[in-house]
């Protein structure tokens, strides 16, 4: 069966009274978007893409409009890019741990997948030498995320340049999922897309994770113009045009993105304070990379198995986190802090209680 096991779990089993399994910022209400009457005009010009939306995205990243392809969220942007670049029998190199749909789409497209590792001991960075050794004659694509899902590790500029040198030498492309990189903007830090480094990079992103606009499904791909044109033509096989109301509402979102980012910033500042207090009190219970930007962490419990902890949280505490098995690391779990502050607070307290319960049981 061709599907993503993680997406099936997320849609059918992740919900709980105290949900720490979500990865993005709390969804905005329609009222918060502050729409205008013209945002509901159903008339759309013919052509590839909605010009005001293409302009908004291109202007934000300082790229040409013919390098922008819009898509229904980052997941579909990834699917579209991989569908263009991969054929059955081609080889794709994917980071480990990885967001499950990246692997599922690779398999769906008939590609052969090789893995390179992002290790805790190295701050979940990428070893460029390891990637270089894996590239073969059939390799067409290298796939990474920045910020990394599930750890929130940010890729260093020299690492990106190292991947670029590999691509220049071998002719492969580098696909970078940058949906969580938007959190740099939320934190008031400079945001530079890897696409600006050169045409070897194809970048995907959206307004979903950092801005609480998951329901808007405003995603995009940045690629050199000739590749972008091919992506638009391939997209014709998936849907003729995007929902036009979504396009217009996305333009509205870009026009007020600073205000929306402030909403996310206030929420994450409060939640991160709670998170750091929790982590300080459980320094011996959890091995993890801390983040001052991301909305997710990937801890390893040191006194109990992660699977037992996940089961206890759901069964006894009405709380969910994402089992690390969905990221091929069952000794860890993904913890999200983008939800409503009172829910995050209560969920962390229940996680603390569950850790204490298991610690007491083991000591007994």
Foldseek 3Di string as FASTA:
>chain_A
DQDAPQVVCVVPPQDFPQGQADFFAAADDPVVLVDDPVLPDQDADDDADGVLLLVLVCVVQVHDSLQKHKDQAQLVVLLLLCLVFDAAAAEEEEEFLAQRSNVSSCVVRNYHYDYFYQDVVNVREGDLVVVLVPDDLRYAEYEAEACHPPARRGYDPVSLVSVVVSCVVRVHAYEYEDALLCLCVLVVHDGHDSPVVDQSYKYKYACPGQQNHSVLSTIMIGHPNVVSVVSSVSCCVVPPDDRSSSSSSSSSCSVCVNVSSPVSNVQVVLLVVLVVVLCVVCVVQWDWDDDPGGFKIKIFGDQDAQVVLQVCCVPPPRYHWAQCVSSVDRRITMGGRNYGNVSSNSRSVSSVVSSVVSNVVSVD
